[in-house]
C-alpha atoms as a PDB file:
ATOM      1  CA  MET A   1      13.240  26.640  47.377  1.00  0.00           C
ATOM      2  CA  LEU A   2      10.851  24.031  46.022  1.00  0.00           C
ATOM      3  CA  SER A   3      10.122  20.999  48.208  1.00  0.00           C
ATOM      4  CA  LEU A   4       7.630  18.144  47.984  1.00  0.00           C
ATOM      5  CA  PHE A   5       6.563  15.554  50.527  1.00  0.00           C
ATOM      6  CA  ALA A   6       3.679  13.138  50.955  1.00  0.00           C
ATOM      7  CA  LEU A   7       1.357  13.133  53.963  1.00  0.00           C
ATOM      8  CA  ASP A   8       1.341  10.095  56.209  1.00  0.00           C
ATOM      9  CA  GLY A   9      -1.678   8.858  58.117  1.00  0.00           C
ATOM     10  CA  ILE A  10      -4.450   9.114  55.483  1.00  0.00           C
ATOM     11  CA  PRO A  11      -6.721   6.112  56.187  1.00  0.00           C
ATOM     12  CA  GLU A  12      -8.649   4.079  53.635  1.00  0.00           C
ATOM     13  CA  ILE A  13     -11.375   6.450  52.457  1.00  0.00           C
ATOM     14  CA  GLN A  14     -15.004   5.382  52.594  1.00  0.00           C
ATOM     15  CA  SER A  15     -18.091   6.795  50.932  1.00  0.00           C
ATOM     16  CA  GLY A  16     -19.327   9.843  52.844  1.00  0.00           C
ATOM     17  CA  ASP A  17     -16.019  10.581  54.573  1.00  0.00           C
ATOM     18  CA  ASP A  18     -15.171  14.247  55.223  1.00  0.00           C
ATOM     19  CA  LEU A  19     -11.958  14.581  53.249  1.00  0.00           C
ATOM     20  CA  ALA A  20     -11.195  18.086  54.466  1.00  0.00           C
ATOM     21  CA  THR A  21     -11.260  16.925  58.091  1.00  0.00           C
ATOM     22  CA  ILE A  22      -9.243  13.776  57.385  1.00  0.00           C
ATOM     23  CA  ILE A  23      -6.580  15.637  55.409  1.00  0.00           C
ATOM     24  CA  GLY A  24      -6.543  18.486  57.907  1.00  0.00           C
ATOM     25  CA  ASP A  25      -5.943  16.080  60.801  1.00  0.00           C
ATOM     26  CA  CYS A  26      -2.826  14.829  58.984  1.00  0.00           C
ATOM     27  CA  LEU A  27      -1.490  18.305  58.199  1.00  0.00           C
ATOM     28  CA  SER A  28       1.176  19.643  60.519  1.00  0.00           C
ATOM     29  CA  ASP A  29       1.881  23.365  60.394  1.00  0.00           C
ATOM     30  CA  PRO A  30       0.786  24.150  56.800  1.00  0.00           C
ATOM     31  CA  ARG A  31       2.343  27.304  55.440  1.00  0.00           C
ATOM     32  CA  GLU A  32       1.016  30.199  53.416  1.00  0.00           C
ATOM     33  CA  GLY A  33       1.232  29.263  49.740  1.00  0.00           C
ATOM     34  CA  ASP A  34       1.380  25.491  50.195  1.00  0.00           C
ATOM     35  CA  ILE A  35      -0.299  23.502  47.424  1.00  0.00           C
ATOM     36  CA  LEU A  36      -1.940  20.194  48.312  1.00  0.00           C
ATOM     37  CA  VAL A  37      -2.122  17.607  45.551  1.00  0.00           C
ATOM     38  CA  VAL A  38      -4.900  15.098  46.193  1.00  0.00           C
ATOM     39  CA  THR A  39      -5.254  11.890  44.197  1.00  0.00           C
ATOM     40  CA  SER A  40      -8.656  11.847  42.507  1.00  0.00           C
ATOM     41  CA  LYS A  41      -9.261   8.286  43.668  1.00  0.00           C
ATOM     42  CA  ILE A  42      -9.831   9.298  47.291  1.00  0.00           C
ATOM     43  CA  VAL A  43     -12.133  12.100  46.171  1.00  0.00           C
ATOM     44  CA  SER A  44     -14.156   9.580  44.144  1.00  0.00           C
ATOM     45  CA  LYS A  45     -14.282   7.190  47.100  1.00  0.00           C
ATOM     46  CA  ALA A  46     -15.492   9.899  49.474  1.00  0.00           C
ATOM     47  CA  GLU A  47     -18.132  10.922  46.931  1.00  0.00           C
ATOM     48  CA  GLY A  48     -19.384   7.353  46.561  1.00  0.00           C
ATOM     49  CA  ARG A  49     -18.420   6.955  42.910  1.00  0.00           C
ATOM     50  CA  HIS A  50     -18.158   3.146  43.169  1.00  0.00           C
ATOM     51  CA  VAL A  51     -19.705   0.978  40.458  1.00  0.00           C
ATOM     52  CA  SER A  52     -19.905  -2.808  40.300  1.00  0.00           C
ATOM     53  CA  ALA A  53     -17.076  -4.226  38.177  1.00  0.00           C
ATOM     54  CA  ALA A  54     -19.687  -6.264  36.314  1.00  0.00           C
ATOM     55  CA  ASN A  55     -21.091  -2.970  35.012  1.00  0.00           C
ATOM     56  CA  ARG A  56     -17.702  -1.547  33.935  1.00  0.00           C
ATOM     57  CA  GLU A  57     -18.508  -1.387  30.229  1.00  0.00           C
ATOM     58  CA  GLN A  58     -21.857   0.242  30.950  1.00  0.00           C
ATOM     59  CA  ALA A  59     -20.117   2.743  33.226  1.00  0.00           C
ATOM     60  CA  ILE A  60     -17.583   3.587  30.526  1.00  0.00           C
ATOM     61  CA  ALA A  61     -20.385   4.127  28.008  1.00  0.00           C
ATOM     62  CA  GLY A  62     -22.252   6.309  30.497  1.00  0.00           C
ATOM     63  CA  GLU A  63     -19.211   8.542  31.069  1.00  0.00           C
ATOM     64  CA  THR A  64     -18.323   8.792  27.364  1.00  0.00           C
ATOM     65  CA  VAL A  65     -19.232  11.831  25.261  1.00  0.00           C
ATOM     66  CA  ARG A  66     -17.498  10.627  22.092  1.00  0.00           C
ATOM     67  CA  VAL A  67     -15.082   7.905  21.052  1.00  0.00           C
ATOM     68  CA  VAL A  68     -11.789   9.301  19.763  1.00  0.00           C
ATOM     69  CA  ALA A  69     -10.107   5.999  18.924  1.00  0.00           C
ATOM     70  CA  SER A  70     -10.777   2.312  19.488  1.00  0.00           C
ATOM     71  CA  ARG A  71      -8.323  -0.563  18.995  1.00  0.00           C
ATOM     72  CA  ALA A  72      -8.800  -4.309  19.409  1.00  0.00           C
ATOM     73  CA  HIS A  73      -5.908  -6.257  20.933  1.00  0.00           C
ATOM     74  CA  PRO A  74      -5.459  -9.804  22.313  1.00  0.00           C
ATOM     75  CA  GLY A  75      -6.631  -8.684  25.756  1.00  0.00           C
ATOM     76  CA  GLY A  76      -9.777  -6.931  24.533  1.00  0.00           C
ATOM     77  CA  VAL A  77     -10.508  -3.433  23.236  1.00  0.00           C
ATOM     78  CA  THR A  78      -8.915  -0.151  24.286  1.00  0.00           C
ATOM     79  CA  ARG A  79     -11.109   2.911  23.835  1.00  0.00           C
ATOM     80  CA  ILE A  80      -9.741   6.428  23.987  1.00  0.00           C
ATOM     81  CA  VAL A  81     -12.712   8.685  24.630  1.00  0.00           C
ATOM     82  CA  GLU A  82     -13.748  12.152  25.650  1.00  0.00           C
ATOM     83  CA  ASN A  83     -15.560  11.971  28.969  1.00  0.00           C
ATOM     84  CA  LYS A  84     -18.054  14.328  30.584  1.00  0.00           C
ATOM     85  CA  LEU A  85     -15.230  16.439  32.035  1.00  0.00           C
ATOM     86  CA  GLY A  86     -13.810  17.079  28.556  1.00  0.00           C
ATOM     87  CA  LEU A  87     -10.803  14.855  29.267  1.00  0.00           C
ATOM     88  CA  ILE A  88      -9.425  12.615  26.521  1.00  0.00           C
ATOM     89  CA  LEU A  89      -8.369   9.365  28.172  1.00  0.00           C
ATOM     90  CA  ALA A  90      -8.682   5.596  28.177  1.00  0.00           C
ATOM     91  CA  ALA A  91     -11.931   4.015  29.363  1.00  0.00           C
ATOM     92  CA  ALA A  92     -13.415   7.421  30.315  1.00  0.00           C
ATOM     93  CA  GLY A  93     -11.331   7.359  33.503  1.00  0.00           C
ATOM     94  CA  VAL A  94     -13.165   4.324  34.913  1.00  0.00           C
ATOM     95  CA  ASP A  95     -10.500   2.646  37.062  1.00  0.00           C
ATOM     96  CA  SER A  96     -10.119  -0.655  38.908  1.00  0.00           C
ATOM     97  CA  SER A  97      -6.758  -0.073  40.612  1.00  0.00           C
ATOM     98  CA  ASN A  98      -6.672   0.450  44.390  1.00  0.00           C
ATOM     99  CA  THR A  99     -10.416  -0.166  44.662  1.00  0.00           C
ATOM    100  CA  PRO A 100     -12.326  -2.756  46.701  1.00  0.00           C
ATOM    101  CA  ASP A 101     -12.757  -6.162  45.050  1.00  0.00           C
ATOM    102  CA  GLY A 102     -15.661  -6.304  42.643  1.00  0.00           C
ATOM    103  CA  THR A 103     -15.840  -2.548  42.118  1.00  0.00           C
ATOM    104  CA  VAL A 104     -14.490   0.129  39.820  1.00  0.00           C
ATOM    105  CA  LEU A 105     -14.355   3.882  40.383  1.00  0.00           C
ATOM    106  CA  LEU A 106     -15.639   6.730  38.266  1.00  0.00           C
ATOM    107  CA  LEU A 107     -13.918  10.097  38.346  1.00  0.00           C
ATOM    108  CA  PRO A 108     -15.475  12.821  40.539  1.00  0.00           C
ATOM    109  CA  VAL A 109     -18.541  14.465  39.016  1.00  0.00           C
ATOM    110  CA  ASP A 110     -16.964  17.939  39.205  1.00  0.00           C
ATOM    111  CA  PRO A 111     -13.305  17.862  40.319  1.00  0.00           C
ATOM    112  CA  ASP A 112     -13.035  21.673  40.345  1.00  0.00           C
ATOM    113  CA  ALA A 113     -16.013  21.893  42.715  1.00  0.00           C
ATOM    114  CA  SER A 114     -14.504  19.164  44.898  1.00  0.00           C
ATOM    115  CA  ALA A 115     -11.219  21.104  44.989  1.00  0.00           C
ATOM    116  CA  ARG A 116     -13.025  24.302  46.016  1.00  0.00           C
ATOM    117  CA  VAL A 117     -14.758  22.539  48.919  1.00  0.00           C
ATOM    118  CA  LEU A 118     -11.400  21.267  50.184  1.00  0.00           C
ATOM    119  CA  CYS A 119      -9.700  24.607  49.627  1.00  0.00           C
ATOM    120  CA  VAL A 120     -12.338  26.634  51.482  1.00  0.00           C
ATOM    121  CA  ALA A 121     -12.456  24.220  54.417  1.00  0.00           C
ATOM    122  CA  LEU A 122      -8.682  23.961  54.862  1.00  0.00           C
ATOM    123  CA  ARG A 123      -8.100  27.712  54.490  1.00  0.00           C
ATOM    124  CA  LYS A 124     -10.744  28.324  57.148  1.00  0.00           C
ATOM    125  CA  ARG A 125      -9.298  25.709  59.504  1.00  0.00           C
ATOM    126  CA  PHE A 126      -5.656  26.812  59.294  1.00  0.00           C
ATOM    127  CA  GLY A 127      -5.986  30.496  58.449  1.00  0.00           C
ATOM    128  CA  VAL A 128      -3.495  30.342  55.585  1.00  0.00           C
ATOM    129  CA  ALA A 129      -3.968  30.545  51.813  1.00  0.00           C
ATOM    130  CA  LEU A 130      -3.576  27.023  50.443  1.00  0.00           C
ATOM    131  CA  GLY A 131      -4.043  25.792  46.886  1.00  0.00           C
ATOM    132  CA  ILE A 132      -5.592  22.471  45.891  1.00  0.00           C
ATOM    133  CA  VAL A 133      -4.884  20.282  42.864  1.00  0.00           C
ATOM    134  CA  ILE A 134      -6.828  17.070  42.240  1.00  0.00           C
ATOM    135  CA  SER A 135      -4.737  14.751  40.095  1.00  0.00           C
ATOM    136  CA  ASP A 136      -5.321  11.707  37.937  1.00  0.00           C
ATOM    137  CA  THR A 137      -3.057   9.529  35.824  1.00  0.00           C
ATOM    138  CA  LEU A 138      -3.324  10.045  32.072  1.00  0.00           C
ATOM    139  CA  GLY A 139      -1.606   8.628  29.020  1.00  0.00           C
ATOM    140  CA  ARG A 140      -0.137  10.977  26.423  1.00  0.00           C
ATOM    141  CA  PRO A 141      -0.221  10.982  22.635  1.00  0.00           C
ATOM    142  CA  TRP A 142       3.171  10.423  21.018  1.00  0.00           C
ATOM    143  CA  ARG A 143       4.763   9.455  24.364  1.00  0.00           C
ATOM    144  CA  LEU A 144       5.031   6.122  26.149  1.00  0.00           C
ATOM    145  CA  GLY A 145       3.992   5.786  29.771  1.00  0.00           C
ATOM    146  CA  GLN A 146       1.608   7.766  31.930  1.00  0.00           C
ATOM    147  CA  THR A 147       1.927  10.807  34.148  1.00  0.00           C
ATOM    148  CA  ASP A 148      -0.316  12.602  36.597  1.00  0.00           C
ATOM    149  CA  ALA A 149      -2.165  15.725  35.487  1.00  0.00           C
ATOM    150  CA  ALA A 150      -4.570  18.151  37.130  1.00  0.00           C
ATOM    151  CA  ILE A 151      -8.255  17.358  36.626  1.00  0.00           C
ATOM    152  CA  GLY A 152      -9.425  19.692  39.397  1.00  0.00           C
ATOM    153  CA  ALA A 153      -7.975  22.790  41.034  1.00  0.00           C
ATOM    154  CA  ALA A 154      -8.881  25.637  43.356  1.00  0.00           C
ATOM    155  CA  GLY A 155      -7.037  28.643  44.708  1.00  0.00           C
ATOM    156  CA  ILE A 156      -4.147  28.479  42.255  1.00  0.00           C
ATOM    157  CA  ARG A 157      -3.298  29.695  38.775  1.00  0.00           C
ATOM    158  CA  VAL A 158      -3.475  26.571  36.624  1.00  0.00           C
ATOM    159  CA  LEU A 159      -1.698  28.232  33.687  1.00  0.00           C
ATOM    160  CA  ASP A 160       1.266  30.613  33.827  1.00  0.00           C
ATOM    161  CA  ASP A 161       0.950  32.852  30.770  1.00  0.00           C
ATOM    162  CA  LEU A 162       4.420  34.052  29.815  1.00  0.00           C
ATOM    163  CA  ARG A 163       3.430  35.609  26.517  1.00  0.00           C
ATOM    164  CA  GLY A 164       4.730  39.136  26.177  1.00  0.00           C
ATOM    165  CA  THR A 165       7.605  38.622  28.606  1.00  0.00           C
ATOM    166  CA  PRO A 166      11.269  38.494  27.531  1.00  0.00           C
ATOM    167  CA  ASP A 167      13.454  35.398  27.584  1.00  0.00           C
ATOM    168  CA  GLN A 168      17.085  35.506  28.764  1.00  0.00           C
ATOM    169  CA  ALA A 169      18.181  36.834  25.403  1.00  0.00           C
ATOM    170  CA  GLY A 170      15.593  39.604  25.486  1.00  0.00           C
ATOM    171  CA  ARG A 171      13.335  38.040  22.857  1.00  0.00           C
ATOM    172  CA  ILE A 172       9.615  38.386  23.565  1.00  0.00           C
ATOM    173  CA  LEU A 173       7.826  35.104  24.170  1.00  0.00           C
ATOM    174  CA  GLU A 174       4.821  34.751  21.882  1.00  0.00           C
ATOM    175  CA  VAL A 175       3.275  31.340  22.597  1.00  0.00           C
ATOM    176  CA  THR A 176       4.595  30.079  25.952  1.00  0.00           C
ATOM    177  CA  VAL A 177       1.851  29.248  28.464  1.00  0.00           C
ATOM    178  CA  ALA A 178       3.149  26.885  31.137  1.00  0.00           C
ATOM    179  CA  ALA A 179       0.688  24.230  32.330  1.00  0.00           C
ATOM    180  CA  VAL A 180       1.797  24.646  35.944  1.00  0.00           C
ATOM    181  CA  ALA A 181      -1.097  22.699  37.497  1.00  0.00           C
ATOM    182  CA  ASP A 182      -0.165  19.658  35.417  1.00  0.00           C
ATOM    183  CA  GLU A 183       3.507  20.095  36.286  1.00  0.00           C
ATOM    184  CA  ILE A 184       2.623  20.261  39.984  1.00  0.00           C
ATOM    185  CA  ALA A 185       0.467  17.128  39.712  1.00  0.00           C
ATOM    186  CA  ALA A 186       3.228  15.187  37.946  1.00  0.00           C
ATOM    187  CA  ALA A 187       5.893  16.297  40.421  1.00  0.00           C
ATOM    188  CA  ALA A 188       3.722  15.356  43.399  1.00  0.00           C
ATOM    189  CA  ASP A 189       3.217  11.856  42.025  1.00  0.00           C
ATOM    190  CA  LEU A 190       6.949  11.249  42.440  1.00  0.00           C
ATOM    191  CA  VAL A 191       6.527  11.417  46.218  1.00  0.00           C
ATOM    192  CA  LYS A 192       2.986  10.006  46.494  1.00  0.00           C
ATOM    193  CA  GLY A 193       3.651   6.879  44.447  1.00  0.00           C
ATOM    194  CA  LYS A 194       1.030   4.508  43.060  1.00  0.00           C
ATOM    195  CA  SER A 195       0.886   1.920  45.818  1.00  0.00           C
ATOM    196  CA  SER A 196       2.345   3.562  48.921  1.00  0.00           C
ATOM    197  CA  GLY A 197      -0.992   4.472  50.500  1.00  0.00           C
ATOM    198  CA  ARG A 198      -0.063   8.165  50.548  1.00  0.00           C
ATOM    199  CA  PRO A 199      -2.617   9.872  48.284  1.00  0.00           C
ATOM    200  CA  VAL A 200      -1.907  13.484  49.315  1.00  0.00           C
ATOM    201  CA  ALA A 201       1.276  15.500  48.824  1.00  0.00           C
ATOM    202  CA  ILE A 202       2.332  19.029  49.689  1.00  0.00           C
ATOM    203  CA  VAL A 203       4.206  21.156  47.171  1.00  0.00           C
ATOM    204  CA  ARG A 204       5.966  24.020  48.945  1.00  0.00           C
ATOM    205  CA  GLY A 205       7.748  26.962  47.340  1.00  0.00           C
ATOM    206  CA  LEU A 206       5.269  27.975  44.631  1.00  0.00           C
ATOM    207  CA  GLY A 207       3.275  30.446  46.677  1.00  0.00           C
ATOM    208  CA  GLU A 208       3.288  32.920  43.792  1.00  0.00           C
ATOM    209  CA  LEU A 209       0.764  30.642  42.065  1.00  0.00           C
ATOM    210  CA  VAL A 210      -1.662  30.586  45.004  1.00  0.00           C
ATOM    211  CA  GLY A 211      -4.445  33.142  44.922  1.00  0.00           C
ATOM    212  CA  ASP A 212      -8.158  33.780  45.110  1.00  0.00           C
ATOM    213  CA  ILE A 213     -10.534  30.866  45.545  1.00  0.00           C
ATOM    214  CA  GLY A 214     -12.358  32.027  42.430  1.00  0.00           C
ATOM    215  CA  LEU A 215      -9.437  31.479  40.052  1.00  0.00           C
ATOM    216  CA  ALA A 216     -10.236  29.309  37.016  1.00  0.00           C
ATOM    217  CA  GLY A 217     -10.078  25.585  37.743  1.00  0.00           C
ATOM    218  CA  ALA A 218      -8.539  22.716  35.833  1.00  0.00           C
ATOM    219  CA  ARG A 219     -11.466  22.547  33.402  1.00  0.00           C
ATOM    220  CA  SER A 220     -10.017  25.706  31.836  1.00  0.00           C
ATOM    221  CA  ILE A 221      -6.949  23.729  30.742  1.00  0.00           C
ATOM    222  CA  VAL A 222      -8.971  21.515  28.405  1.00  0.00           C
ATOM    223  CA  ARG A 223      -8.363  22.554  24.805  1.00  0.00           C
ATOM    224  CA  PRO A 224     -11.616  23.624  23.099  1.00  0.00           C
ATOM    225  CA  PHE A 225     -12.857  21.144  20.506  1.00  0.00           C
ATOM    226  CA  GLU A 226     -12.635  23.652  17.689  1.00  0.00           C
ATOM    227  CA  GLN A 227      -8.917  24.151  18.428  1.00  0.00           C
ATOM    228  CA  ASP A 228      -8.157  20.430  18.558  1.00  0.00           C
ATOM    229  CA  MET A 229      -6.076  19.418  15.528  1.00  0.00           C
ATOM    230  CA  PHE A 230      -6.327  15.742  16.498  1.00  0.00           C
ATOM    231  CA  GLN A 231     -10.009  15.152  17.114  1.00  0.00           C
ATOM    232  CA  GLN A 232      -9.850  11.522  15.987  1.00  0.00           C
ATOM    233  CA  GLY A 233      -7.470   8.608  16.069  1.00  0.00           C
ATOM    234  CA  SER A 234      -5.426   7.993  12.928  1.00  0.00           C
ATOM    235  CA  ALA A 235      -7.483   5.022  11.721  1.00  0.00           C
ATOM    236  CA  GLU A 236     -10.758   6.837  12.410  1.00  0.00           C
ATOM    237  CA  ALA A 237      -9.568   9.966  10.579  1.00  0.00           C
ATOM    238  CA  TYR A 238      -8.449   7.873   7.597  1.00  0.00           C
ATOM    239  CA  GLU A 239     -11.777   6.043   7.486  1.00  0.00           C
ATOM    240  CA  ALA A 240     -13.736   9.300   7.675  1.00  0.00           C
ATOM    241  CA  GLY A 241     -11.606  10.863   4.944  1.00  0.00           C
ATOM    242  CA  TYR A 242     -11.971   7.821   2.709  1.00  0.00           C
ATOM    243  CA  ARG A 243     -15.736   7.772   3.267  1.00  0.00           C
ATOM    244  CA  ASP A 244     -16.088  11.492   2.549  1.00  0.00           C
ATOM    245  CA  GLY A 245     -13.956  11.201  -0.546  1.00  0.00           C
ATOM    246  CA  LYS A 246     -15.964   8.262  -1.826  1.00  0.00           C
ATOM    247  CA  ASN A 247     -19.251  10.089  -1.213  1.00  0.00           C
ATOM    248  CA  HIS A 248     -17.886  13.162  -2.987  1.00  0.00           C
ATOM    249  CA  SER A 249     -16.903  11.092  -6.019  1.00  0.00           C
ATOM    250  CA  THR A 250     -20.292   9.377  -6.105  1.00  0.00           C
ATOM    251  CA  HIS A 251     -22.162  12.703  -6.007  1.00  0.00           C
ATOM    252  CA  ARG A 252     -19.867  14.147  -8.664  1.00  0.00           C
ATOM    253  CA  PHE A 253     -20.701  11.494 -11.250  1.00  0.00           C
ATOM    254  CA  VAL A 254     -24.397  11.074 -10.570  1.00  0.00           C
END
């Protein structure tokens, strides 16, 4: 049976805090196969990823690899970008919610590495195989609203490849690869909440996904650029196509 519950007792995290010890002190009788979902914000805080709010735009630029789409609106400009982790998201993941006044937070430098540190420490402390997912809130193309997704993971299978297995009717599945780490992150957010002060949740009942510490992390979920059919926003793609077409016509008649 699948069950989810948030941990109580996690204090406000400060730069330099030992997250594994803090989380471990709040864990009561963890079980083999439990998966802990940890909000990326407390990982960033522990890793000292604070930046002055006055430098927010500079921080966004510093975390950006390429701009996918940019739109002006009455409140300013929204930029959808690819950041250094390969994630496509607004403002490169630079966030001002639930942060001290006058500061913003960058995402962890390497969420998979952060997840491995937590996973190793908690497995050693409790003597059971636990999985770790580090989650962050992302928007989605074609869908309103946001949901949590996995940006870091350790000790679990992040994808469940069902290709080659039969469905209920006996037909062989050819393309189905379930993004289980993202599903776990989204489900855990239902019990963690955005403002409840409970940034860690336990997902129990998916022990079949928990495995070796060396399993591929959440970075492996990111679709390779060459497979991305939507590498630009609609306006940017139209502008590039118009420009290329105009240049082609110019060269043709020279």
